[in-house]
Amino acid sequence: AYAGVIDGMGVVVEVNAETDFVGKNEKFVDFVKGVAATVAANKPADLDALMACKYAGSDRTVTEQQQEMVLVIGENIKVRRFAFFTEGVSVPYIHAGGKIGVLVNLEVSGGIDATEIGKDVAMQIAALNPRFWDKSQVTQDVLDEEKKIMMVQMANDPKMASKPEQVREKIVVGKLNKFYAENCLLQQEFVKDNSMSVEKYIASAAKALGGTVTFMDAVR
């Protein structure tokens, strides 16, 4: 994975190889960076569009360059996916020698440098891989499924089954908050300081710098 800021644009790409060994190969690393540069230059709509673009600094398409890399390296190599942000402040983070790339996109005001905040949030995403960014993104069907599981668990627990319906509803609300705290980035405990959520960390760190920072999006 490669994540970086190219010409003011945040870009993240994933290129698959068969072995870890190739992931460290200089030619492979350069190819991945070239794919990212191609994304930045062309802003392709999807993977097919990217593969048809002229590979950065050459007359070949990305597809042709990929085929060339397969021959040179002797292993199957495949551009798998990419994303980019043209707005806001993008902060890249590479984890585990390029195995995981994270690009965090922030809205920053007050003229502050939010790089540190973005890195901390990206590290959290790399480590915990949350299912959602914020609890507002959890869809009703996911919630219904969770509630169903909780109700079944309580029905099978003699101590719980005898409790009034209202009490059980309250317990479900508590359990749902725990679900958010485990699965939603902004509601998660901040790894570096578990006394606060990621949301509270972003707000307090930005305030300390004299500005505001809002988490907009990320790609892992």
C-alpha atoms as a PDB file:
ATOM      1  CA  ALA A   1       0.000   0.000   0.000  1.00  0.00           C
ATOM      2  CA  TYR A   2       1.072   3.562  -0.660  1.00  0.00           C
ATOM      3  CA  ALA A   3      -0.470   6.663   0.898  1.00  0.00           C
ATOM      4  CA  GLY A   4       0.759  10.172   0.242  1.00  0.00           C
ATOM      5  CA  VAL A   5      -0.010  13.733  -0.721  1.00  0.00           C
ATOM      6  CA  ILE A   6       0.794  14.479  -4.372  1.00  0.00           C
ATOM      7  CA  ASP A   7       0.277  18.030  -5.704  1.00  0.00           C
ATOM      8  CA  GLY A   8      -1.942  18.824  -2.745  1.00  0.00           C
ATOM      9  CA  MET A   9      -4.108  15.756  -3.317  1.00  0.00           C
ATOM     10  CA  GLY A  10      -4.328  12.842  -0.882  1.00  0.00           C
ATOM     11  CA  VAL A  11      -3.844   9.513  -2.684  1.00  0.00           C
ATOM     12  CA  VAL A  12      -3.863   5.934  -1.426  1.00  0.00           C
ATOM     13  CA  VAL A  13      -3.337   2.857  -3.609  1.00  0.00           C
ATOM     14  CA  GLU A  14      -3.200  -0.883  -3.029  1.00  0.00           C
ATOM     15  CA  VAL A  15      -1.126  -3.093  -5.311  1.00  0.00           C
ATOM     16  CA  ASN A  16      -1.072  -6.825  -4.615  1.00  0.00           C
ATOM     17  CA  ALA A  17       1.939  -9.103  -5.027  1.00  0.00           C
ATOM     18  CA  GLU A  18       2.278 -12.790  -4.172  1.00  0.00           C
ATOM     19  CA  THR A  19       5.044 -12.562  -1.564  1.00  0.00           C
ATOM     20  CA  ASP A  20       6.201 -10.157   1.152  1.00  0.00           C
ATOM     21  CA  PHE A  21       9.625 -10.301  -0.456  1.00  0.00           C
ATOM     22  CA  VAL A  22       8.386  -8.481  -3.565  1.00  0.00           C
ATOM     23  CA  GLY A  23       6.691  -5.869  -1.389  1.00  0.00           C
ATOM     24  CA  LYS A  24      10.162  -4.671  -0.388  1.00  0.00           C
ATOM     25  CA  ASN A  25      11.566  -4.744  -3.959  1.00  0.00           C
ATOM     26  CA  GLU A  26      12.647  -1.247  -5.047  1.00  0.00           C
ATOM     27  CA  LYS A  27      11.178  -1.642  -8.548  1.00  0.00           C
ATOM     28  CA  PHE A  28       7.867  -2.744  -7.086  1.00  0.00           C
ATOM     29  CA  VAL A  29       7.813   0.164  -4.612  1.00  0.00           C
ATOM     30  CA  ASP A  30       8.564   2.593  -7.469  1.00  0.00           C
ATOM     31  CA  PHE A  31       5.770   1.076  -9.551  1.00  0.00           C
ATOM     32  CA  VAL A  32       3.283   1.568  -6.691  1.00  0.00           C
ATOM     33  CA  LYS A  33       4.384   5.212  -6.304  1.00  0.00           C
ATOM     34  CA  GLY A  34       4.003   5.661 -10.072  1.00  0.00           C
ATOM     35  CA  VAL A  35       0.441   4.313  -9.888  1.00  0.00           C
ATOM     36  CA  ALA A  36      -0.301   6.861  -7.139  1.00  0.00           C
ATOM     37  CA  ALA A  37       1.184   9.662  -9.274  1.00  0.00           C
ATOM     38  CA  THR A  38      -1.017   8.512 -12.178  1.00  0.00           C
ATOM     39  CA  VAL A  39      -4.092   8.693  -9.929  1.00  0.00           C
ATOM     40  CA  ALA A  40      -3.148  12.236  -8.855  1.00  0.00           C
ATOM     41  CA  ALA A  41      -2.580  13.367 -12.453  1.00  0.00           C
ATOM     42  CA  ASN A  42      -5.751  11.839 -13.917  1.00  0.00           C
ATOM     43  CA  LYS A  43      -8.305  11.553 -11.070  1.00  0.00           C
ATOM     44  CA  PRO A  44      -9.742   8.382 -12.692  1.00  0.00           C
ATOM     45  CA  ALA A  45     -13.359   7.436 -12.002  1.00  0.00           C
ATOM     46  CA  ASP A  46     -12.662   3.756 -11.336  1.00  0.00           C
ATOM     47  CA  LEU A  47     -10.069   0.993 -11.653  1.00  0.00           C
ATOM     48  CA  ASP A  48     -10.744   0.366 -15.359  1.00  0.00           C
ATOM     49  CA  ALA A  49     -10.224   4.061 -16.086  1.00  0.00           C
ATOM     50  CA  LEU A  50      -6.972   4.065 -14.098  1.00  0.00           C
ATOM     51  CA  MET A  51      -5.636   0.997 -15.945  1.00  0.00           C
ATOM     52  CA  ALA A  52      -6.275   2.759 -19.276  1.00  0.00           C
ATOM     53  CA  CYS A  53      -4.450   5.958 -18.183  1.00  0.00           C
ATOM     54  CA  LYS A  54      -0.908   6.679 -19.328  1.00  0.00           C
ATOM     55  CA  TYR A  55       1.382   5.533 -16.510  1.00  0.00           C
ATOM     56  CA  ALA A  56       3.131   8.579 -14.951  1.00  0.00           C
ATOM     57  CA  GLY A  57       6.221   9.565 -16.939  1.00  0.00           C
ATOM     58  CA  SER A  58       5.796   6.988 -19.740  1.00  0.00           C
ATOM     59  CA  ASP A  59       3.914   6.272 -22.970  1.00  0.00           C
ATOM     60  CA  ARG A  60       2.570   2.989 -21.669  1.00  0.00           C
ATOM     61  CA  THR A  61      -0.807   2.536 -20.022  1.00  0.00           C
ATOM     62  CA  VAL A  62      -0.931   1.405 -16.401  1.00  0.00           C
ATOM     63  CA  THR A  63      -2.033  -2.039 -17.689  1.00  0.00           C
ATOM     64  CA  GLU A  64       1.043  -2.275 -19.937  1.00  0.00           C
ATOM     65  CA  GLN A  65       3.322  -1.075 -17.156  1.00  0.00           C
ATOM     66  CA  GLN A  66       1.807  -3.681 -14.813  1.00  0.00           C
ATOM     67  CA  GLN A  67       2.454  -6.437 -17.398  1.00  0.00           C
ATOM     68  CA  GLU A  68       6.032  -5.203 -17.741  1.00  0.00           C
ATOM     69  CA  MET A  69       6.463  -5.376 -13.929  1.00  0.00           C
ATOM     70  CA  VAL A  70       5.165  -8.963 -13.903  1.00  0.00           C
ATOM     71  CA  LEU A  71       7.885  -9.894 -16.440  1.00  0.00           C
ATOM     72  CA  VAL A  72      10.654  -7.982 -14.625  1.00  0.00           C
ATOM     73  CA  ILE A  73       9.783  -9.270 -11.147  1.00  0.00           C
ATOM     74  CA  GLY A  74       8.559 -12.721 -12.156  1.00  0.00           C
ATOM     75  CA  GLU A  75       5.536 -12.642  -9.926  1.00  0.00           C
ATOM     76  CA  ASN A  76       1.892 -11.767 -10.423  1.00  0.00           C
ATOM     77  CA  ILE A  77       1.257  -8.118  -9.586  1.00  0.00           C
ATOM     78  CA  LYS A  78      -2.133  -6.427  -9.604  1.00  0.00           C
ATOM     79  CA  VAL A  79      -3.338  -2.888  -8.955  1.00  0.00           C
ATOM     80  CA  ARG A  80      -6.329  -3.622  -6.751  1.00  0.00           C
ATOM     81  CA  ARG A  81      -7.876  -0.329  -5.621  1.00  0.00           C
ATOM     82  CA  PHE A  82      -7.267   3.339  -5.019  1.00  0.00           C
ATOM     83  CA  ALA A  83      -8.878   6.417  -3.515  1.00  0.00           C
ATOM     84  CA  PHE A  84      -8.144  10.103  -3.427  1.00  0.00           C
ATOM     85  CA  PHE A  85      -9.288  13.284  -1.707  1.00  0.00           C
ATOM     86  CA  THR A  86      -9.094  16.625  -3.496  1.00  0.00           C
ATOM     87  CA  GLU A  87     -10.587  18.680  -0.635  1.00  0.00           C
ATOM     88  CA  GLY A  88      -9.446  19.318   2.936  1.00  0.00           C
ATOM     89  CA  VAL A  89      -6.204  18.187   4.551  1.00  0.00           C
ATOM     90  CA  SER A  90      -5.079  14.615   3.874  1.00  0.00           C
ATOM     91  CA  VAL A  91      -2.658  12.847   6.197  1.00  0.00           C
ATOM     92  CA  PRO A  92      -1.041   9.580   5.027  1.00  0.00           C
ATOM     93  CA  TYR A  93       0.263   6.787   7.245  1.00  0.00           C
ATOM     94  CA  ILE A  94       2.058   3.595   6.253  1.00  0.00           C
ATOM     95  CA  HIS A  95       2.111   0.696   8.703  1.00  0.00           C
ATOM     96  CA  ALA A  96       4.007  -2.600   8.857  1.00  0.00           C
ATOM     97  CA  GLY A  97       6.421  -1.818   6.016  1.00  0.00           C
ATOM     98  CA  GLY A  98       3.730  -0.976   3.489  1.00  0.00           C
ATOM     99  CA  LYS A  99       1.269  -3.766   4.318  1.00  0.00           C
ATOM    100  CA  ILE A 100      -1.317  -1.264   5.519  1.00  0.00           C
ATOM    101  CA  GLY A 101      -1.777   2.230   4.130  1.00  0.00           C
ATOM    102  CA  VAL A 102      -4.192   4.713   5.679  1.00  0.00           C
ATOM    103  CA  LEU A 103      -5.229   8.095   4.338  1.00  0.00           C
ATOM    104  CA  VAL A 104      -7.154  10.354   6.720  1.00  0.00           C
ATOM    105  CA  ASN A 105      -9.034  13.389   5.427  1.00  0.00           C
ATOM    106  CA  LEU A 106      -9.694  16.313   7.770  1.00  0.00           C
ATOM    107  CA  GLU A 107     -11.345  19.689   7.637  1.00  0.00           C
ATOM    108  CA  VAL A 108      -9.011  22.102   9.401  1.00  0.00           C
ATOM    109  CA  SER A 109      -9.615  25.718  10.385  1.00  0.00           C
ATOM    110  CA  GLY A 110      -7.618  28.295  12.325  1.00  0.00           C
ATOM    111  CA  GLY A 111      -4.450  27.883  10.277  1.00  0.00           C
ATOM    112  CA  ILE A 112      -3.141  25.036  12.452  1.00  0.00           C
ATOM    113  CA  ASP A 113      -0.951  22.093  11.453  1.00  0.00           C
ATOM    114  CA  ALA A 114      -3.128  19.018  11.958  1.00  0.00           C
ATOM    115  CA  THR A 115      -0.516  16.474  10.761  1.00  0.00           C
ATOM    116  CA  GLU A 116       0.020  15.014  14.239  1.00  0.00           C
ATOM    117  CA  ILE A 117      -3.724  14.637  14.833  1.00  0.00           C
ATOM    118  CA  GLY A 118      -4.192  12.986  11.424  1.00  0.00           C
ATOM    119  CA  LYS A 119      -1.304  10.551  12.074  1.00  0.00           C
ATOM    120  CA  ASP A 120      -2.737   9.553  15.460  1.00  0.00           C
ATOM    121  CA  VAL A 121      -6.162   8.900  13.934  1.00  0.00           C
ATOM    122  CA  ALA A 122      -4.584   6.985  11.025  1.00  0.00           C
ATOM    123  CA  MET A 123      -2.611   4.805  13.472  1.00  0.00           C
ATOM    124  CA  GLN A 124      -5.860   4.019  15.307  1.00  0.00           C
ATOM    125  CA  ILE A 125      -7.483   2.995  12.000  1.00  0.00           C
ATOM    126  CA  ALA A 126      -4.453   0.877  11.024  1.00  0.00           C
ATOM    127  CA  ALA A 127      -4.467  -0.939  14.366  1.00  0.00           C
ATOM    128  CA  LEU A 128      -8.200  -1.445  14.978  1.00  0.00           C
ATOM    129  CA  ASN A 129      -9.756  -1.382  11.491  1.00  0.00           C
ATOM    130  CA  PRO A 130     -13.141  -0.009  12.627  1.00  0.00           C
ATOM    131  CA  ARG A 131     -16.236  -1.055  10.665  1.00  0.00           C
ATOM    132  CA  PHE A 132     -17.647   2.489  10.666  1.00  0.00           C
ATOM    133  CA  TRP A 133     -16.221   5.994  11.128  1.00  0.00           C
ATOM    134  CA  ASP A 134     -19.100   7.348  13.190  1.00  0.00           C
ATOM    135  CA  LYS A 135     -22.173   5.883  14.876  1.00  0.00           C
ATOM    136  CA  SER A 136     -24.372   7.921  12.497  1.00  0.00           C
ATOM    137  CA  GLN A 137     -23.154   5.599   9.705  1.00  0.00           C
ATOM    138  CA  VAL A 138     -24.427   2.435  11.392  1.00  0.00           C
ATOM    139  CA  THR A 139     -27.411   1.400   9.304  1.00  0.00           C
ATOM    140  CA  GLN A 140     -30.736   0.365  10.782  1.00  0.00           C
ATOM    141  CA  ASP A 141     -30.389  -3.243   9.585  1.00  0.00           C
ATOM    142  CA  VAL A 142     -27.030  -3.562  11.405  1.00  0.00           C
ATOM    143  CA  LEU A 143     -28.647  -2.180  14.580  1.00  0.00           C
ATOM    144  CA  ASP A 144     -31.665  -4.484  14.243  1.00  0.00           C
ATOM    145  CA  GLU A 145     -29.362  -7.476  13.828  1.00  0.00           C
ATOM    146  CA  GLU A 146     -27.356  -6.474  16.926  1.00  0.00           C
ATOM    147  CA  LYS A 147     -30.527  -5.940  18.969  1.00  0.00           C
ATOM    148  CA  LYS A 148     -31.852  -9.331  17.867  1.00  0.00           C
ATOM    149  CA  ILE A 149     -28.633 -11.043  19.021  1.00  0.00           C
ATOM    150  CA  MET A 150     -28.783  -9.200  22.379  1.00  0.00           C
ATOM    151  CA  MET A 151     -32.454 -10.097  22.933  1.00  0.00           C
ATOM    152  CA  VAL A 152     -31.759 -13.776  22.195  1.00  0.00           C
ATOM    153  CA  GLN A 153     -28.783 -13.738  24.599  1.00  0.00           C
ATOM    154  CA  MET A 154     -30.969 -12.247  27.336  1.00  0.00           C
ATOM    155  CA  ALA A 155     -33.830 -14.647  26.663  1.00  0.00           C
ATOM    156  CA  ASN A 156     -31.397 -17.541  27.126  1.00  0.00           C
ATOM    157  CA  ASP A 157     -30.067 -16.127  30.404  1.00  0.00           C
ATOM    158  CA  PRO A 158     -32.437 -17.082  33.273  1.00  0.00           C
ATOM    159  CA  LYS A 159     -31.378 -14.051  35.350  1.00  0.00           C
ATOM    160  CA  MET A 160     -32.155 -11.713  32.438  1.00  0.00           C
ATOM    161  CA  ALA A 161     -35.295 -13.432  31.200  1.00  0.00           C
ATOM    162  CA  SER A 162     -37.084 -12.727  34.496  1.00  0.00           C
ATOM    163  CA  LYS A 163     -36.372  -8.969  34.320  1.00  0.00           C
ATOM    164  CA  PRO A 164     -39.095  -6.563  33.166  1.00  0.00           C
ATOM    165  CA  GLU A 165     -39.173  -5.495  29.526  1.00  0.00           C
ATOM    166  CA  GLN A 166     -38.140  -1.875  30.336  1.00  0.00           C
ATOM    167  CA  VAL A 167     -35.069  -3.048  32.228  1.00  0.00           C
ATOM    168  CA  ARG A 168     -34.070  -5.257  29.312  1.00  0.00           C
ATOM    169  CA  GLU A 169     -34.542  -2.341  26.880  1.00  0.00           C
ATOM    170  CA  LYS A 170     -32.198  -0.228  29.058  1.00  0.00           C
ATOM    171  CA  ILE A 171     -29.604  -3.000  29.033  1.00  0.00           C
ATOM    172  CA  VAL A 172     -29.864  -3.169  25.221  1.00  0.00           C
ATOM    173  CA  VAL A 173     -29.186   0.601  24.980  1.00  0.00           C
ATOM    174  CA  GLY A 174     -26.097   0.128  27.158  1.00  0.00           C
ATOM    175  CA  LYS A 175     -24.942  -2.783  25.017  1.00  0.00           C
ATOM    176  CA  LEU A 176     -25.468  -0.742  21.835  1.00  0.00           C
ATOM    177  CA  ASN A 177     -23.266   2.042  23.214  1.00  0.00           C
ATOM    178  CA  LYS A 178     -20.623  -0.613  23.777  1.00  0.00           C
ATOM    179  CA  PHE A 179     -21.129  -1.750  20.157  1.00  0.00           C
ATOM    180  CA  TYR A 180     -20.483   1.819  18.962  1.00  0.00           C
ATOM    181  CA  ALA A 181     -17.395   2.094  21.156  1.00  0.00           C
ATOM    182  CA  GLU A 182     -15.992  -1.090  19.642  1.00  0.00           C
ATOM    183  CA  ASN A 183     -16.964  -0.624  15.980  1.00  0.00           C
ATOM    184  CA  CYS A 184     -17.047   3.128  15.277  1.00  0.00           C
ATOM    185  CA  LEU A 185     -13.792   5.057  15.003  1.00  0.00           C
ATOM    186  CA  LEU A 186     -14.929   8.342  16.560  1.00  0.00           C
ATOM    187  CA  GLN A 187     -16.602   6.581  19.495  1.00  0.00           C
ATOM    188  CA  GLN A 188     -13.674   4.204  20.091  1.00  0.00           C
ATOM    189  CA  GLU A 189     -11.328   4.652  23.030  1.00  0.00           C
ATOM    190  CA  PHE A 190      -8.296   6.558  21.792  1.00  0.00           C
ATOM    191  CA  VAL A 191      -5.444   4.021  21.785  1.00  0.00           C
ATOM    192  CA  LYS A 192      -2.824   6.504  23.028  1.00  0.00           C
ATOM    193  CA  ASP A 193      -5.031   7.744  25.904  1.00  0.00           C
ATOM    194  CA  ASN A 194      -7.928   5.499  26.871  1.00  0.00           C
ATOM    195  CA  SER A 195      -9.483   8.181  29.097  1.00  0.00           C
ATOM    196  CA  MET A 196     -11.105   9.691  25.997  1.00  0.00           C
ATOM    197  CA  SER A 197     -12.737   8.773  22.703  1.00  0.00           C
ATOM    198  CA  VAL A 198     -11.097   9.498  19.346  1.00  0.00           C
ATOM    199  CA  GLU A 199     -13.702  12.244  18.792  1.00  0.00           C
ATOM    200  CA  LYS A 200     -12.778  13.938  22.098  1.00  0.00           C
ATOM    201  CA  TYR A 201      -9.053  13.583  21.338  1.00  0.00           C
ATOM    202  CA  ILE A 202      -9.446  15.328  17.939  1.00  0.00           C
ATOM    203  CA  ALA A 203     -11.443  18.165  19.503  1.00  0.00           C
ATOM    204  CA  SER A 204      -9.103  18.714  22.462  1.00  0.00           C
ATOM    205  CA  ALA A 205      -5.888  18.409  20.407  1.00  0.00           C
ATOM    206  CA  ALA A 206      -7.218  20.930  17.863  1.00  0.00           C
ATOM    207  CA  LYS A 207      -8.309  23.314  20.626  1.00  0.00           C
ATOM    208  CA  ALA A 208      -4.847  23.122  22.194  1.00  0.00           C
ATOM    209  CA  LEU A 209      -3.383  24.198  18.834  1.00  0.00           C
ATOM    210  CA  GLY A 210      -5.833  27.077  18.583  1.00  0.00           C
ATOM    211  CA  GLY A 211      -8.102  25.811  15.802  1.00  0.00           C
ATOM    212  CA  THR A 212     -10.685  23.200  14.949  1.00  0.00           C
ATOM    213  CA  VAL A 213     -10.394  19.847  13.208  1.00  0.00           C
ATOM    214  CA  THR A 214     -13.256  17.736  11.878  1.00  0.00           C
ATOM    215  CA  PHE A 215     -12.770  14.150  10.736  1.00  0.00           C
ATOM    216  CA  MET A 216     -14.269  13.890   7.231  1.00  0.00           C
ATOM    217  CA  ASP A 217     -13.292  10.497   5.826  1.00  0.00           C
ATOM    218  CA  ALA A 218     -10.540   7.911   5.619  1.00  0.00           C
ATOM    219  CA  VAL A 219      -9.458   4.922   3.545  1.00  0.00           C
ATOM    220  CA  ARG A 220      -7.571   1.916   4.919  1.00  0.00           C
END
